[in-house]
Amino acid sequence: TTRTNDAARITQLVEQLGAGGYAKREAAERE
């Protein structure tokens, strides 16, 4: 897409879906 080309950020957020803190997992899912 023309709006989101940051593959590294997406990879980071996917990994954060398994973060130790619930708030971090929820934040990654929302983003």
All heavy atoms as atom14 arrays in JSON, in Angstrom:
{
  "sequence": "TTRTNDAARITQLVEQLGAGGYAKREAAERE",
  "atom14_mask": [
    [1, 1, 1, 1, 1, 1, 1, 0, 0, 0, 0, 0, 0, 0],
    [1, 1, 1, 1, 1, 1, 1, 0, 0, 0, 0, 0, 0, 0],
    [1, 1, 1, 1, 1, 1, 1, 1, 1, 1, 1, 0, 0, 0],
    [1, 1, 1, 1, 1, 1, 1, 0, 0, 0, 0, 0, 0, 0],
    [1, 1, 1, 1, 1, 1, 1, 1, 0, 0, 0, 0, 0, 0],
    [1, 1, 1, 1, 1, 1, 1, 1, 0, 0, 0, 0, 0, 0],
    [1, 1, 1, 1, 1, 0, 0, 0, 0, 0, 0, 0, 0, 0],
    [1, 1, 1, 1, 1, 0, 0, 0, 0, 0, 0, 0, 0, 0],
    [1, 1, 1, 1, 1, 1, 1, 1, 1, 1, 1, 0, 0, 0],
    [1, 1, 1, 1, 1, 1, 1, 1, 0, 0, 0, 0, 0, 0],
    [1, 1, 1, 1, 1, 1, 1, 0, 0, 0, 0, 0, 0, 0],
    [1, 1, 1, 1, 1, 1, 1, 1, 1, 0, 0, 0, 0, 0],
    [1, 1, 1, 1, 1, 1, 1, 1, 0, 0, 0, 0, 0, 0],
    [1, 1, 1, 1, 1, 1, 1, 0, 0, 0, 0, 0, 0, 0],
    [1, 1, 1, 1, 1, 1, 1, 1, 1, 0, 0, 0, 0, 0],
    [1, 1, 1, 1, 1, 1, 1, 1, 1, 0, 0, 0, 0, 0],
    [1, 1, 1, 1, 1, 1, 1, 1, 0, 0, 0, 0, 0, 0],
    [1, 1, 1, 1, 0, 0, 0, 0, 0, 0, 0, 0, 0, 0],
    [1, 1, 1, 1, 1, 0, 0, 0, 0, 0, 0, 0, 0, 0],
    [1, 1, 1, 1, 0, 0, 0, 0, 0, 0, 0, 0, 0, 0],
    [1, 1, 1, 1, 0, 0, 0, 0, 0, 0, 0, 0, 0, 0],
    [1, 1, 1, 1, 1, 1, 1, 1, 1, 1, 1, 1, 0, 0],
    [1, 1, 1, 1, 1, 0, 0, 0, 0, 0, 0, 0, 0, 0],
    [1, 1, 1, 1, 1, 1, 1, 1, 1, 0, 0, 0, 0, 0],
    [1, 1, 1, 1, 1, 1, 1, 1, 1, 1, 1, 0, 0, 0],
    [1, 1, 1, 1, 1, 1, 1, 1, 1, 0, 0, 0, 0, 0],
    [1, 1, 1, 1, 1, 0, 0, 0, 0, 0, 0, 0, 0, 0],
    [1, 1, 1, 1, 1, 0, 0, 0, 0, 0, 0, 0, 0, 0],
    [1, 1, 1, 1, 1, 1, 1, 1, 1, 0, 0, 0, 0, 0],
    [1, 1, 1, 1, 1, 1, 1, 1, 1, 1, 1, 0, 0, 0],
    [1, 1, 1, 1, 1, 1, 1, 1, 1, 0, 0, 0, 0, 0]
  ],
  "atom14_positions": [
    [[0.83, -1.19, 0.0], [0.0, 0.0, 0.0], [0.85, 1.23, 0.0], [2.05, 1.19, 0.26], [-0.92, 0.06, 1.24], [-0.14, 0.5, 2.34], [-1.55, -1.27, 1.55], [0.0, 0.0, 0.0], [0.0, 0.0, 0.0], [0.0, 0.0, 0.0], [0.0, 0.0, 0.0], [0.0, 0.0, 0.0], [0.0, 0.0, 0.0], [0.0, 0.0, 0.0]],
    [[0.24, 2.35, -0.29], [0.94, 3.61, -0.3], [1.03, 4.21, 1.09], [1.71, 5.2, 1.29], [0.21, 4.61, -1.2], [-1.11, 4.8, -0.7], [0.15, 4.11, -2.61], [0.0, 0.0, 0.0], [0.0, 0.0, 0.0], [0.0, 0.0, 0.0], [0.0, 0.0, 0.0], [0.0, 0.0, 0.0], [0.0, 0.0, 0.0], [0.0, 0.0, 0.0]],
    [[0.32, 3.63, 2.06], [0.24, 4.24, 3.37], [1.16, 3.59, 4.39], [1.59, 4.21, 5.34], [-1.2, 4.18, 3.88], [-2.21, 4.82, 2.94], [-2.0, 6.32, 2.8], [-2.84, 6.87, 1.74], [-4.11, 7.23, 1.92], [-4.68, 7.1, 3.08], [-4.79, 7.74, 0.91], [0.0, 0.0, 0.0], [0.0, 0.0, 0.0], [0.0, 0.0, 0.0]],
    [[1.46, 2.32, 4.25], [2.28, 1.62, 5.23], [3.28, 0.75, 4.5], [2.91, -0.23, 3.88], [1.41, 0.76, 6.15], [0.43, 1.58, 6.76], [2.26, 0.09, 7.22], [0.0, 0.0, 0.0], [0.0, 0.0, 0.0], [0.0, 0.0, 0.0], [0.0, 0.0, 0.0], [0.0, 0.0, 0.0], [0.0, 0.0, 0.0], [0.0, 0.0, 0.0]],
    [[4.55, 1.12, 4.52], [5.57, 0.34, 3.84], [6.66, -0.12, 4.8], [7.71, -0.56, 4.37], [6.19, 1.19, 2.72], [5.19, 1.5, 1.63], [4.67, 0.59, 1.01], [4.89, 2.76, 1.43], [0.0, 0.0, 0.0], [0.0, 0.0, 0.0], [0.0, 0.0, 0.0], [0.0, 0.0, 0.0], [0.0, 0.0, 0.0], [0.0, 0.0, 0.0]],
    [[6.44, 0.0, 6.13], [7.44, -0.33, 7.11], [7.3, -1.79, 7.53], [6.66, -2.11, 8.54], [7.3, 0.61, 8.3], [8.5, 0.51, 9.25], [9.28, -0.46, 9.1], [8.64, 1.37, 10.12], [0.0, 0.0, 0.0], [0.0, 0.0, 0.0], [0.0, 0.0, 0.0], [0.0, 0.0, 0.0], [0.0, 0.0, 0.0], [0.0, 0.0, 0.0]],
    [[7.92, -2.67, 6.77], [7.83, -4.1, 7.07], [8.45, -4.43, 8.41], [7.99, -5.32, 9.13], [8.5, -4.9, 5.95], [0.0, 0.0, 0.0], [0.0, 0.0, 0.0], [0.0, 0.0, 0.0], [0.0, 0.0, 0.0], [0.0, 0.0, 0.0], [0.0, 0.0, 0.0], [0.0, 0.0, 0.0], [0.0, 0.0, 0.0], [0.0, 0.0, 0.0]],
    [[9.52, -3.71, 8.76], [10.19, -3.97, 10.04], [9.25, -3.67, 11.21], [9.23, -4.41, 12.2], [11.46, -3.13, 10.15], [0.0, 0.0, 0.0], [0.0, 0.0, 0.0], [0.0, 0.0, 0.0], [0.0, 0.0, 0.0], [0.0, 0.0, 0.0], [0.0, 0.0, 0.0], [0.0, 0.0, 0.0], [0.0, 0.0, 0.0], [0.0, 0.0, 0.0]],
    [[8.47, -2.61, 11.1], [7.53, -2.27, 12.16], [6.45, -3.33, 12.28], [6.06, -3.72, 13.39], [6.91, -0.89, 11.9], [5.86, -0.46, 12.92], [6.43, -0.41, 14.32], [5.44, 0.05, 15.3], [5.56, -0.15, 16.6], [6.61, -0.79, 17.1], [4.63, 0.3, 17.42], [0.0, 0.0, 0.0], [0.0, 0.0, 0.0], [0.0, 0.0, 0.0]],
    [[5.95, -3.81, 11.16], [4.92, -4.85, 11.2], [5.47, -6.11, 11.85], [4.81, -6.73, 12.69], [4.41, -5.14, 9.77], [3.61, -3.94, 9.25], [3.55, -6.42, 9.75], [3.21, -4.05, 7.79], [0.0, 0.0, 0.0], [0.0, 0.0, 0.0], [0.0, 0.0, 0.0], [0.0, 0.0, 0.0], [0.0, 0.0, 0.0], [0.0, 0.0, 0.0]],
    [[6.69, -6.5, 11.49], [7.32, -7.67, 12.1], [7.45, -7.5, 13.61], [7.16, -8.42, 14.38], [8.7, -7.91, 11.48], [8.56, -8.15, 10.08], [9.39, -9.11, 12.13], [0.0, 0.0, 0.0], [0.0, 0.0, 0.0], [0.0, 0.0, 0.0], [0.0, 0.0, 0.0], [0.0, 0.0, 0.0], [0.0, 0.0, 0.0], [0.0, 0.0, 0.0]],
    [[7.86, -6.31, 14.03], [8.0, -6.03, 15.46], [6.66, -6.16, 16.19], [6.57, -6.73, 17.27], [8.56, -4.62, 15.65], [8.76, -4.2, 17.09], [9.22, -2.75, 17.2], [8.81, -1.91, 16.43], [10.08, -2.48, 18.18], [0.0, 0.0, 0.0], [0.0, 0.0, 0.0], [0.0, 0.0, 0.0], [0.0, 0.0, 0.0], [0.0, 0.0, 0.0]],
    [[5.6, -5.63, 15.57], [4.29, -5.7, 16.19], [3.77, -7.13, 16.28], [3.14, -7.5, 17.28], [3.3, -4.83, 15.4], [3.51, -3.33, 15.53], [2.67, -2.59, 14.48], [3.14, -2.85, 16.93], [0.0, 0.0, 0.0], [0.0, 0.0, 0.0], [0.0, 0.0, 0.0], [0.0, 0.0, 0.0], [0.0, 0.0, 0.0], [0.0, 0.0, 0.0]],
    [[4.01, -7.92, 15.24], [3.58, -9.33, 15.28], [4.29, -10.05, 16.41], [3.66, -10.82, 17.16], [3.84, -10.01, 13.92], [3.59, -11.51, 14.03], [2.95, -9.42, 12.84], [0.0, 0.0, 0.0], [0.0, 0.0, 0.0], [0.0, 0.0, 0.0], [0.0, 0.0, 0.0], [0.0, 0.0, 0.0], [0.0, 0.0, 0.0], [0.0, 0.0, 0.0]],
    [[5.58, -9.81, 16.58], [6.31, -10.43, 17.69], [5.76, -9.96, 19.04], [5.68, -10.73, 20.0], [7.79, -10.09, 17.58], [8.48, -10.75, 16.39], [9.91, -10.27, 16.2], [10.33, -9.33, 16.92], [10.59, -10.83, 15.33], [0.0, 0.0, 0.0], [0.0, 0.0, 0.0], [0.0, 0.0, 0.0], [0.0, 0.0, 0.0], [0.0, 0.0, 0.0]],
    [[5.32, -8.7, 19.08], [4.8, -8.13, 20.33], [3.46, -8.74, 20.73], [3.03, -8.62, 21.88], [4.67, -6.61, 20.16], [4.42, -5.85, 21.46], [4.4, -4.35, 21.23], [5.22, -3.82, 20.5], [3.44, -3.66, 21.86], [0.0, 0.0, 0.0], [0.0, 0.0, 0.0], [0.0, 0.0, 0.0], [0.0, 0.0, 0.0], [0.0, 0.0, 0.0]],
    [[2.8, -9.43, 19.78], [1.56, -10.13, 20.14], [1.79, -11.17, 21.22], [0.85, -11.59, 21.9], [0.95, -10.78, 18.9], [0.41, -9.86, 17.81], [-0.03, -10.67, 16.6], [-0.74, -9.01, 18.33], [0.0, 0.0, 0.0], [0.0, 0.0, 0.0], [0.0, 0.0, 0.0], [0.0, 0.0, 0.0], [0.0, 0.0, 0.0], [0.0, 0.0, 0.0]],
    [[3.04, -11.6, 21.38], [3.37, -12.58, 22.4], [4.16, -12.0, 23.55], [4.78, -12.75, 24.31], [0.0, 0.0, 0.0], [0.0, 0.0, 0.0], [0.0, 0.0, 0.0], [0.0, 0.0, 0.0], [0.0, 0.0, 0.0], [0.0, 0.0, 0.0], [0.0, 0.0, 0.0], [0.0, 0.0, 0.0], [0.0, 0.0, 0.0], [0.0, 0.0, 0.0]],
    [[4.16, -10.67, 23.7], [4.92, -10.02, 24.75], [4.44, -10.43, 26.13], [3.29, -10.85, 26.32], [4.82, -8.5, 24.6], [0.0, 0.0, 0.0], [0.0, 0.0, 0.0], [0.0, 0.0, 0.0], [0.0, 0.0, 0.0], [0.0, 0.0, 0.0], [0.0, 0.0, 0.0], [0.0, 0.0, 0.0], [0.0, 0.0, 0.0], [0.0, 0.0, 0.0]],
    [[5.31, -10.28, 27.11], [4.97, -10.7, 28.47], [3.87, -9.88, 29.11], [3.09, -10.4, 29.91], [0.0, 0.0, 0.0], [0.0, 0.0, 0.0], [0.0, 0.0, 0.0], [0.0, 0.0, 0.0], [0.0, 0.0, 0.0], [0.0, 0.0, 0.0], [0.0, 0.0, 0.0], [0.0, 0.0, 0.0], [0.0, 0.0, 0.0], [0.0, 0.0, 0.0]],
    [[3.77, -8.61, 28.76], [2.76, -7.76, 29.36], [1.49, -7.7, 28.54], [1.52, -7.54, 27.32], [0.0, 0.0, 0.0], [0.0, 0.0, 0.0], [0.0, 0.0, 0.0], [0.0, 0.0, 0.0], [0.0, 0.0, 0.0], [0.0, 0.0, 0.0], [0.0, 0.0, 0.0], [0.0, 0.0, 0.0], [0.0, 0.0, 0.0], [0.0, 0.0, 0.0]],
    [[0.34, -7.86, 29.21], [-0.95, -7.85, 28.52], [-1.16, -6.54, 27.76], [-1.65, -6.53, 26.63], [-2.07, -8.05, 29.54], [-3.47, -7.96, 28.95], [-4.01, -9.02, 28.24], [-4.23, -6.8, 29.12], [-5.28, -8.94, 27.7], [-5.51, -6.72, 28.59], [-6.02, -7.78, 27.88], [-7.29, -7.7, 27.35], [0.0, 0.0, 0.0], [0.0, 0.0, 0.0]],
    [[-0.79, -5.42, 28.38], [-0.99, -4.12, 27.75], [-0.22, -4.01, 26.44], [-0.71, -3.45, 25.45], [-0.59, -2.99, 28.69], [0.0, 0.0, 0.0], [0.0, 0.0, 0.0], [0.0, 0.0, 0.0], [0.0, 0.0, 0.0], [0.0, 0.0, 0.0], [0.0, 0.0, 0.0], [0.0, 0.0, 0.0], [0.0, 0.0, 0.0], [0.0, 0.0, 0.0]],
    [[1.0, -4.58, 26.42], [1.8, -4.54, 25.19], [1.17, -5.4, 24.1], [1.15, -5.02, 22.93], [3.23, -5.04, 25.49], [4.08, -4.05, 26.24], [5.52, -4.56, 26.36], [6.42, -3.55, 27.04], [7.82, -4.03, 27.13], [0.0, 0.0, 0.0], [0.0, 0.0, 0.0], [0.0, 0.0, 0.0], [0.0, 0.0, 0.0], [0.0, 0.0, 0.0]],
    [[0.64, -6.55, 24.48], [-0.01, -7.42, 23.49], [-1.24, -6.72, 22.9], [-1.46, -6.75, 21.68], [-0.42, -8.76, 24.12], [0.76, -9.59, 24.62], [0.36, -11.03, 24.86], [-0.66, -11.18, 25.89], [-0.42, -11.3, 27.19], [0.84, -11.25, 27.64], [-1.4, -11.47, 28.07], [0.0, 0.0, 0.0], [0.0, 0.0, 0.0], [0.0, 0.0, 0.0]],
    [[-2.03, -6.08, 23.76], [-3.23, -5.38, 23.29], [-2.87, -4.21, 22.39], [-3.53, -3.96, 21.38], [-4.03, -4.88, 24.5], [-4.75, -5.98, 25.25], [-5.92, -6.53, 24.45], [-6.9, -5.8, 24.26], [-5.84, -7.71, 24.02], [0.0, 0.0, 0.0], [0.0, 0.0, 0.0], [0.0, 0.0, 0.0], [0.0, 0.0, 0.0], [0.0, 0.0, 0.0]],
    [[-1.81, -3.47, 22.75], [-1.39, -2.32, 21.94], [-0.93, -2.78, 20.56], [-1.26, -2.14, 19.54], [-0.26, -1.57, 22.65], [0.0, 0.0, 0.0], [0.0, 0.0, 0.0], [0.0, 0.0, 0.0], [0.0, 0.0, 0.0], [0.0, 0.0, 0.0], [0.0, 0.0, 0.0], [0.0, 0.0, 0.0], [0.0, 0.0, 0.0], [0.0, 0.0, 0.0]],
    [[-0.18, -3.88, 20.5], [0.27, -4.4, 19.21], [-0.91, -4.84, 18.36], [-0.95, -4.57, 17.15], [1.22, -5.58, 19.43], [0.0, 0.0, 0.0], [0.0, 0.0, 0.0], [0.0, 0.0, 0.0], [0.0, 0.0, 0.0], [0.0, 0.0, 0.0], [0.0, 0.0, 0.0], [0.0, 0.0, 0.0], [0.0, 0.0, 0.0], [0.0, 0.0, 0.0]],
    [[-1.89, -5.48, 18.98], [-3.07, -5.94, 18.22], [-3.84, -4.75, 17.66], [-4.29, -4.78, 16.5], [-3.96, -6.78, 19.12], [-5.12, -7.42, 18.37], [-5.79, -8.52, 19.17], [-5.13, -9.15, 20.02], [-7.0, -8.73, 18.94], [0.0, 0.0, 0.0], [0.0, 0.0, 0.0], [0.0, 0.0, 0.0], [0.0, 0.0, 0.0], [0.0, 0.0, 0.0]],
    [[-3.99, -3.69, 18.46], [-4.71, -2.51, 17.97], [-3.99, -1.86, 16.79], [-4.62, -1.46, 15.81], [-4.89, -1.5, 19.1], [-5.94, -1.87, 20.13], [-6.28, -0.68, 21.01], [-5.12, -0.18, 21.74], [-4.74, -0.63, 22.93], [-5.43, -1.59, 23.53], [-3.68, -0.12, 23.54], [0.0, 0.0, 0.0], [0.0, 0.0, 0.0], [0.0, 0.0, 0.0]],
    [[-2.66, -1.77, 16.89], [-1.91, -1.12, 15.81], [-1.93, -1.96, 14.54], [-2.06, -1.42, 13.43], [-0.47, -0.85, 16.25], [0.29, 0.01, 15.25], [1.63, 0.52, 15.76], [1.84, 0.5, 17.0], [2.46, 0.92, 14.93], [0.0, 0.0, 0.0], [0.0, 0.0, 0.0], [0.0, 0.0, 0.0], [0.0, 0.0, 0.0], [0.0, 0.0, 0.0]]
  ]
}
